[in-house]
PDB file of N, CA and C in Angstrom:
ATOM      1  N   SER A   1      27.452  -6.249 -40.510  1.00  0.00           N
ATOM      2  CA  SER A   1      26.186  -5.816 -40.560  1.00  0.00           C
ATOM      3  C   SER A   1      25.481  -6.970 -39.988  1.00  0.00           C
ATOM      4  N   ASN A   2      23.921  -6.689 -39.820  1.00  0.00           N
ATOM      5  CA  ASN A   2      22.948  -7.829 -39.268  1.00  0.00           C
ATOM      6  C   ASN A   2      22.650  -8.573 -40.688  1.00  0.00           C
ATOM      7  N   ALA A   3      22.820  -8.244 -41.755  1.00  0.00           N
ATOM      8  CA  ALA A   3      22.534  -9.039 -42.880  1.00  0.00           C
ATOM      9  C   ALA A   3      23.289 -10.081 -42.986  1.00  0.00           C
ATOM     10  N   THR A   4      24.815  -9.611 -42.808  1.00  0.00           N
ATOM     11  CA  THR A   4      25.830 -10.886 -42.810  1.00  0.00           C
ATOM     12  C   THR A   4      25.729 -11.766 -41.915  1.00  0.00           C
ATOM     13  N   TRP A   5      25.509 -11.328 -40.601  1.00  0.00           N
ATOM     14  CA  TRP A   5      25.632 -12.558 -39.393  1.00  0.00           C
ATOM     15  C   TRP A   5      24.273 -13.102 -39.121  1.00  0.00           C
ATOM     16  N   GLY A   6      23.011 -12.414 -39.620  1.00  0.00           N
ATOM     17  CA  GLY A   6      21.990 -12.912 -39.185  1.00  0.00           C
ATOM     18  C   GLY A   6      20.952 -11.904 -38.131  1.00  0.00           C
ATOM     19  N   VAL A   7      19.803 -11.916 -38.203  1.00  0.00           N
ATOM     20  CA  VAL A   7      19.086 -10.904 -37.344  1.00  0.00           C
ATOM     21  C   VAL A   7      19.469 -11.123 -35.984  1.00  0.00           C
ATOM     22  N   GLY A   8      19.604 -10.078 -35.199  1.00  0.00           N
ATOM     23  CA  GLY A   8      19.798  -9.971 -33.708  1.00  0.00           C
ATOM     24  C   GLY A   8      21.189 -10.373 -33.303  1.00  0.00           C
ATOM     25  N   PHE A   9      22.350 -10.821 -34.187  1.00  0.00           N
ATOM     26  CA  PHE A   9      23.610 -11.190 -33.668  1.00  0.00           C
ATOM     27  C   PHE A   9      24.491  -9.678 -33.830  1.00  0.00           C
ATOM     28  N   ASP A  10      25.056  -9.642 -32.693  1.00  0.00           N
ATOM     29  CA  ASP A  10      25.840  -8.256 -32.722  1.00  0.00           C
ATOM     30  C   ASP A  10      27.280  -8.897 -32.509  1.00  0.00           C
ATOM     31  N   PRO A  11      28.173  -8.858 -33.627  1.00  0.00           N
ATOM     32  CA  PRO A  11      29.555  -9.270 -33.540  1.00  0.00           C
ATOM     33  C   PRO A  11      30.442  -8.346 -32.423  1.00  0.00           C
ATOM     34  N   GLU A  12      30.134  -7.197 -32.522  1.00  0.00           N
ATOM     35  CA  GLU A  12      30.962  -6.118 -31.660  1.00  0.00           C
ATOM     36  C   GLU A  12      30.751  -6.662 -30.197  1.00  0.00           C
ATOM     37  N   ALA A  13      29.453  -7.039 -29.956  1.00  0.00           N
ATOM     38  CA  ALA A  13      29.340  -7.400 -28.258  1.00  0.00           C
ATOM     39  C   ALA A  13      30.199  -8.462 -27.951  1.00  0.00           C
ATOM     40  N   LEU A  14      30.308  -9.502 -28.846  1.00  0.00           N
ATOM     41  CA  LEU A  14      31.112 -10.813 -28.712  1.00  0.00           C
ATOM     42  C   LEU A  14      32.738 -10.295 -28.752  1.00  0.00           C
ATOM     43  N   GLU A  15      32.928  -9.305 -29.511  1.00  0.00           N
ATOM     44  CA  GLU A  15      34.471  -8.725 -29.449  1.00  0.00           C
ATOM     45  C   GLU A  15      34.760  -8.127 -28.588  1.00  0.00           C
ATOM     46  N   ARG A  16      33.938  -7.137 -27.611  1.00  0.00           N
ATOM     47  CA  ARG A  16      33.701  -6.511 -26.504  1.00  0.00           C
ATOM     48  C   ARG A  16      33.966  -7.400 -25.321  1.00  0.00           C
ATOM     49  N   GLY A  17      33.263  -8.413 -25.360  1.00  0.00           N
ATOM     50  CA  GLY A  17      33.261  -9.609 -24.403  1.00  0.00           C
ATOM     51  C   GLY A  17      34.636 -10.377 -24.202  1.00  0.00           C
ATOM     52  N   ALA A  18      35.236 -10.659 -25.651  1.00  0.00           N
ATOM     53  CA  ALA A  18      36.475 -11.226 -25.566  1.00  0.00           C
ATOM     54  C   ALA A  18      37.641 -10.301 -25.133  1.00  0.00           C
ATOM     55  N   LYS A  19      37.628  -8.824 -25.415  1.00  0.00           N
ATOM     56  CA  LYS A  19      38.572  -8.080 -24.975  1.00  0.00           C
ATOM     57  C   LYS A  19      38.636  -7.997 -23.525  1.00  0.00           C
ATOM     58  N   ALA A  20      37.136  -7.784 -22.738  1.00  0.00           N
ATOM     59  CA  ALA A  20      37.075  -7.903 -21.398  1.00  0.00           C
ATOM     60  C   ALA A  20      37.649  -8.983 -20.833  1.00  0.00           C
ATOM     61  N   LEU A  21      37.455 -10.228 -21.432  1.00  0.00           N
ATOM     62  CA  LEU A  21      38.034 -11.654 -20.829  1.00  0.00           C
ATOM     63  C   LEU A  21      39.639 -11.450 -20.892  1.00  0.00           C
ATOM     64  N   ARG A  22      40.258 -10.845 -21.960  1.00  0.00           N
ATOM     65  CA  ARG A  22      41.555 -10.683 -21.929  1.00  0.00           C
ATOM     66  C   ARG A  22      42.209 -10.120 -20.895  1.00  0.00           C
ATOM     67  N   GLU A  23      41.363  -8.932 -20.657  1.00  0.00           N
ATOM     68  CA  GLU A  23      41.828  -7.976 -19.846  1.00  0.00           C
ATOM     69  C   GLU A  23      41.730  -8.301 -18.331  1.00  0.00           C
ATOM     70  N   ILE A  24      40.678  -9.208 -18.017  1.00  0.00           N
ATOM     71  CA  ILE A  24      40.451 -10.151 -16.768  1.00  0.00           C
ATOM     72  C   ILE A  24      41.613 -10.774 -16.379  1.00  0.00           C
ATOM     73  N   ASN A  25      41.914 -11.734 -17.721  1.00  0.00           N
ATOM     74  CA  ASN A  25      43.111 -12.813 -17.396  1.00  0.00           C
ATOM     75  C   ASN A  25      44.226 -12.005 -17.138  1.00  0.00           C
ATOM     76  N   GLN A  26      44.778 -10.648 -17.599  1.00  0.00           N
ATOM     77  CA  GLN A  26      45.932 -10.376 -17.545  1.00  0.00           C
ATOM     78  C   GLN A  26      46.179  -9.516 -16.304  1.00  0.00           C
ATOM     79  N   SER A  27      44.883  -9.491 -15.435  1.00  0.00           N
ATOM     80  CA  SER A  27      44.750  -8.831 -14.284  1.00  0.00           C
ATOM     81  C   SER A  27      45.600  -9.656 -12.914  1.00  0.00           C
ATOM     82  N   PRO A  28      46.249  -8.838 -12.117  1.00  0.00           N
ATOM     83  CA  PRO A  28      46.767  -9.667 -11.018  1.00  0.00           C
ATOM     84  C   PRO A  28      45.592 -10.219 -10.292  1.00  0.00           C
ATOM     85  N   HIS A  29      44.568  -9.845 -10.241  1.00  0.00           N
ATOM     86  CA  HIS A  29      43.337 -10.221  -9.615  1.00  0.00           C
ATOM     87  C   HIS A  29      42.239 -11.241 -10.070  1.00  0.00           C
ATOM     88  N   ALA A  30      42.819 -11.809 -11.344  1.00  0.00           N
ATOM     89  CA  ALA A  30      41.837 -12.589 -12.022  1.00  0.00           C
ATOM     90  C   ALA A  30      41.643 -13.986 -11.368  1.00  0.00           C
ATOM     91  N   LYS A  31      42.653 -14.370 -10.356  1.00  0.00           N
ATOM     92  CA  LYS A  31      42.122 -15.637  -9.793  1.00  0.00           C
ATOM     93  C   LYS A  31      41.199 -15.275  -8.617  1.00  0.00           C
ATOM     94  N   LYS A  32      41.373 -14.215  -7.725  1.00  0.00           N
ATOM     95  CA  LYS A  32      40.444 -13.733  -6.843  1.00  0.00           C
ATOM     96  C   LYS A  32      39.202 -13.634  -7.321  1.00  0.00           C
ATOM     97  N   VAL A  33      38.865 -12.918  -8.751  1.00  0.00           N
ATOM     98  CA  VAL A  33      37.445 -12.714  -9.206  1.00  0.00           C
ATOM     99  C   VAL A  33      37.039 -14.021  -9.638  1.00  0.00           C
ATOM    100  N   LEU A  34      37.744 -14.928 -10.178  1.00  0.00           N
ATOM    101  CA  LEU A  34      37.194 -16.310 -10.359  1.00  0.00           C
ATOM    102  C   LEU A  34      36.837 -17.006  -9.220  1.00  0.00           C
ATOM    103  N   ASP A  35      37.514 -16.877  -8.229  1.00  0.00           N
ATOM    104  CA  ASP A  35      37.270 -17.652  -6.948  1.00  0.00           C
ATOM    105  C   ASP A  35      35.970 -17.116  -6.510  1.00  0.00           C
ATOM    106  N   LEU A  36      35.961 -15.767  -6.387  1.00  0.00           N
ATOM    107  CA  LEU A  36      34.356 -14.982  -6.017  1.00  0.00           C
ATOM    108  C   LEU A  36      33.391 -15.564  -6.834  1.00  0.00           C
ATOM    109  N   ALA A  37      33.400 -15.658  -8.133  1.00  0.00           N
ATOM    110  CA  ALA A  37      32.326 -16.035  -9.095  1.00  0.00           C
ATOM    111  C   ALA A  37      31.789 -17.571  -8.578  1.00  0.00           C
ATOM    112  N   LYS A  38      32.752 -18.277  -8.485  1.00  0.00           N
ATOM    113  CA  LYS A  38      32.749 -19.689  -8.232  1.00  0.00           C
ATOM    114  C   LYS A  38      31.896 -19.782  -6.710  1.00  0.00           C
ATOM    115  N   THR A  39      32.497 -18.918  -5.811  1.00  0.00           N
ATOM    116  CA  THR A  39      31.682 -18.938  -4.585  1.00  0.00           C
ATOM    117  C   THR A  39      30.202 -18.490  -4.667  1.00  0.00           C
ATOM    118  N   GLN A  40      30.191 -17.428  -5.444  1.00  0.00           N
ATOM    119  CA  GLN A  40      28.836 -17.064  -5.649  1.00  0.00           C
ATOM    120  C   GLN A  40      27.890 -18.044  -6.075  1.00  0.00           C
ATOM    121  N   GLU A  41      28.350 -18.792  -7.160  1.00  0.00           N
ATOM    122  CA  GLU A  41      27.584 -19.624  -7.788  1.00  0.00           C
ATOM    123  C   GLU A  41      27.293 -20.952  -6.757  1.00  0.00           C
ATOM    124  N   LEU A  42      28.494 -21.289  -6.139  1.00  0.00           N
ATOM    125  CA  LEU A  42      27.767 -22.308  -4.883  1.00  0.00           C
ATOM    126  C   LEU A  42      27.145 -22.017  -4.199  1.00  0.00           C
ATOM    127  N   THR A  43      27.123 -20.576  -3.648  1.00  0.00           N
ATOM    128  CA  THR A  43      25.981 -20.226  -2.689  1.00  0.00           C
ATOM    129  C   THR A  43      24.787 -20.120  -3.425  1.00  0.00           C
ATOM    130  N   LYS A  44      24.584 -19.862  -4.652  1.00  0.00           N
ATOM    131  CA  LYS A  44      23.141 -19.795  -5.465  1.00  0.00           C
ATOM    132  C   LYS A  44      22.907 -21.429  -5.312  1.00  0.00           C
ATOM    133  N   GLN A  45      23.815 -22.028  -5.720  1.00  0.00           N
ATOM    134  CA  GLN A  45      23.104 -23.401  -5.844  1.00  0.00           C
ATOM    135  C   GLN A  45      22.704 -24.008  -4.387  1.00  0.00           C
ATOM    136  N   GLN A  46      23.476 -23.676  -3.587  1.00  0.00           N
ATOM    137  CA  GLN A  46      22.970 -24.108  -1.988  1.00  0.00           C
ATOM    138  C   GLN A  46      21.649 -23.266  -1.647  1.00  0.00           C
ATOM    139  N   GLU A  47      21.390 -22.183  -2.105  1.00  0.00           N
ATOM    140  CA  GLU A  47      20.358 -21.609  -1.714  1.00  0.00           C
ATOM    141  C   GLU A  47      19.085 -22.171  -2.612  1.00  0.00           C
ATOM    142  N   SER A  48      19.317 -22.674  -3.679  1.00  0.00           N
ATOM    143  CA  SER A  48      18.355 -23.192  -4.654  1.00  0.00           C
ATOM    144  C   SER A  48      17.974 -24.811  -3.876  1.00  0.00           C
ATOM    145  N   LYS A  49      19.117 -25.295  -3.418  1.00  0.00           N
ATOM    146  CA  LYS A  49      18.673 -26.895  -3.007  1.00  0.00           C
ATOM    147  C   LYS A  49      17.981 -26.586  -1.707  1.00  0.00           C
ATOM    148  N   ALA A  50      18.086 -25.470  -0.879  1.00  0.00           N
ATOM    149  CA  ALA A  50      17.310 -25.310   0.380  1.00  0.00           C
ATOM    150  C   ALA A  50      15.906 -24.788   0.191  1.00  0.00           C
ATOM    151  N   LYS A  51      15.969 -24.224  -1.029  1.00  0.00           N
ATOM    152  CA  LYS A  51      14.531 -23.677  -1.269  1.00  0.00           C
ATOM    153  C   LYS A  51      13.585 -24.862  -1.903  1.00  0.00           C
ATOM    154  N   GLU A  52      14.430 -25.852  -2.607  1.00  0.00           N
ATOM    155  CA  GLU A  52      13.755 -27.193  -2.991  1.00  0.00           C
ATOM    156  C   GLU A  52      13.412 -28.163  -1.960  1.00  0.00           C
ATOM    157  N   ALA A  53      14.469 -28.019  -1.114  1.00  0.00           N
ATOM    158  CA  ALA A  53      14.020 -28.926   0.264  1.00  0.00           C
ATOM    159  C   ALA A  53      12.730 -28.371   0.931  1.00  0.00           C
ATOM    160  N   GLU A  54      12.545 -26.926   1.068  1.00  0.00           N
ATOM    161  CA  GLU A  54      11.627 -26.263   1.629  1.00  0.00           C
ATOM    162  C   GLU A  54      10.100 -26.719   0.798  1.00  0.00           C
ATOM    163  N   MET A  55      10.222 -26.527  -0.412  1.00  0.00           N
ATOM    164  CA  MET A  55       9.057 -26.959  -1.300  1.00  0.00           C
ATOM    165  C   MET A  55       8.649 -28.235  -1.030  1.00  0.00           C
ATOM    166  N   LYS A  56       9.425 -29.203  -1.021  1.00  0.00           N
ATOM    167  CA  LYS A  56       9.337 -30.697  -0.764  1.00  0.00           C
ATOM    168  C   LYS A  56       8.808 -30.783   0.437  1.00  0.00           C
ATOM    169  N   ALA A  57       9.229 -30.270   1.464  1.00  0.00           N
ATOM    170  CA  ALA A  57       8.674 -30.408   2.818  1.00  0.00           C
ATOM    171  C   ALA A  57       7.191 -29.707   3.004  1.00  0.00           C
ATOM    172  N   ALA A  58       6.884 -28.758   2.567  1.00  0.00           N
ATOM    173  CA  ALA A  58       5.575 -28.060   2.536  1.00  0.00           C
ATOM    174  C   ALA A  58       4.492 -29.218   1.671  1.00  0.00           C
ATOM    175  N   ALA A  59       5.051 -29.413   0.186  1.00  0.00           N
ATOM    176  CA  ALA A  59       4.248 -30.576  -0.288  1.00  0.00           C
ATOM    177  C   ALA A  59       3.827 -31.679   0.406  1.00  0.00           C
ATOM    178  N   SER A  60       4.761 -32.381   1.007  1.00  0.00           N
ATOM    179  CA  SER A  60       4.745 -33.636   2.114  1.00  0.00           C
ATOM    180  C   SER A  60       3.582 -33.151   3.294  1.00  0.00           C
ATOM    181  N   GLN A  61       3.936 -32.049   3.573  1.00  0.00           N
ATOM    182  CA  GLN A  61       2.878 -31.812   4.710  1.00  0.00           C
ATOM    183  C   GLN A  61       1.426 -31.335   4.222  1.00  0.00           C
ATOM    184  N   TYR A  62       1.401 -30.761   3.253  1.00  0.00           N
ATOM    185  CA  TYR A  62       0.147 -30.510   2.390  1.00  0.00           C
ATOM    186  C   TYR A  62      -0.407 -31.822   2.286  1.00  0.00           C
ATOM    187  N   SER A  63       0.288 -32.887   1.687  1.00  0.00           N
ATOM    188  CA  SER A  63      -0.307 -34.218   1.479  1.00  0.00           C
ATOM    189  C   SER A  63      -0.835 -34.903   2.601  1.00  0.00           C
ATOM    190  N   VAL A  64      -0.023 -34.715   3.748  1.00  0.00           N
ATOM    191  CA  VAL A  64      -0.461 -35.434   5.043  1.00  0.00           C
ATOM    192  C   VAL A  64      -1.711 -34.922   5.542  1.00  0.00           C
ATOM    193  N   GLN A  65      -1.899 -33.327   5.484  1.00  0.00           N
ATOM    194  CA  GLN A  65      -2.992 -32.973   5.888  1.00  0.00           C
ATOM    195  C   GLN A  65      -4.286 -33.135   5.093  1.00  0.00           C
ATOM    196  N   GLN A  66      -3.914 -33.356   3.681  1.00  0.00           N
ATOM    197  CA  GLN A  66      -5.097 -33.861   2.849  1.00  0.00           C
ATOM    198  C   GLN A  66      -5.235 -35.364   3.238  1.00  0.00           C
ATOM    199  N   GLU A  67      -4.590 -36.176   3.719  1.00  0.00           N
ATOM    200  CA  GLU A  67      -4.906 -37.551   3.967  1.00  0.00           C
ATOM    201  C   GLU A  67      -5.627 -37.594   5.296  1.00  0.00           C
ATOM    202  N   LYS A  68      -5.320 -36.653   6.268  1.00  0.00           N
ATOM    203  CA  LYS A  68      -6.102 -36.438   7.303  1.00  0.00           C
ATOM    204  C   LYS A  68      -7.558 -35.934   7.296  1.00  0.00           C
ATOM    205  N   VAL A  69      -7.820 -35.267   6.318  1.00  0.00           N
ATOM    206  CA  VAL A  69      -8.991 -34.587   6.077  1.00  0.00           C
ATOM    207  C   VAL A  69      -9.828 -36.061   5.370  1.00  0.00           C
ATOM    208  N   ARG A  70      -9.383 -36.690   4.321  1.00  0.00           N
ATOM    209  CA  ARG A  70      -9.953 -37.714   4.051  1.00  0.00           C
ATOM    210  C   ARG A  70     -10.216 -38.748   5.015  1.00  0.00           C
ATOM    211  N   TRP A  71      -9.464 -39.125   5.852  1.00  0.00           N
ATOM    212  CA  TRP A  71      -9.769 -40.152   7.202  1.00  0.00           C
ATOM    213  C   TRP A  71     -10.914 -39.306   7.940  1.00  0.00           C
ATOM    214  N   GLU A  72     -10.925 -38.213   8.128  1.00  0.00           N
ATOM    215  CA  GLU A  72     -11.906 -37.466   9.051  1.00  0.00           C
ATOM    216  C   GLU A  72     -13.362 -37.577   8.147  1.00  0.00           C
ATOM    217  N   GLU A  73     -13.134 -37.437   6.966  1.00  0.00           N
ATOM    218  CA  GLU A  73     -14.424 -37.506   5.918  1.00  0.00           C
ATOM    219  C   GLU A  73     -14.916 -38.905   5.970  1.00  0.00           C
ATOM    220  N   GLN A  74     -14.058 -39.928   5.705  1.00  0.00           N
ATOM    221  CA  GLN A  74     -14.394 -41.681   5.931  1.00  0.00           C
ATOM    222  C   GLN A  74     -15.005 -41.581   7.316  1.00  0.00           C
ATOM    223  N   ARG A  75     -14.615 -41.154   8.355  1.00  0.00           N
ATOM    224  CA  ARG A  75     -14.742 -41.469   9.950  1.00  0.00           C
ATOM    225  C   ARG A  75     -16.508 -41.319  10.139  1.00  0.00           C
ATOM    226  N   LYS A  76     -16.529 -39.567   9.440  1.00  0.00           N
ATOM    227  CA  LYS A  76     -17.686 -39.312   9.600  1.00  0.00           C
ATOM    228  C   LYS A  76     -18.862 -40.070   8.993  1.00  0.00           C
ATOM    229  N   TYR A  77     -18.606 -40.417   7.847  1.00  0.00           N
ATOM    230  CA  TYR A  77     -19.449 -41.292   7.030  1.00  0.00           C
ATOM    231  C   TYR A  77     -19.885 -42.644   7.512  1.00  0.00           C
ATOM    232  N   ALA A  78     -18.856 -43.218   8.198  1.00  0.00           N
ATOM    233  CA  ALA A  78     -18.756 -44.411   8.631  1.00  0.00           C
ATOM    234  C   ALA A  78     -19.565 -44.647  10.031  1.00  0.00           C
ATOM    235  N   GLN A  79     -20.051 -43.725  10.560  1.00  0.00           N
ATOM    236  CA  GLN A  79     -20.758 -43.592  11.746  1.00  0.00           C
ATOM    237  C   GLN A  79     -22.070 -43.437  11.530  1.00  0.00           C
TER     238      GLN A  79
END
């Protein structure tokens, strides 16, 4: 019961997960499943890195644009 394990903990879910893992490990396709999961994770990481690079490039471009605006403003006041 929740009183024994603490609020929100479901030991039955843990048991179901352990049973599913045992079944996956016994499957002849276990290595393929694991390889697919690894490939999917690597793909997600690469997509995340690409998105990070895009964001850095956009931030850099914004910074350059701001600097141009500052120079234009200074040039206007200098004349």
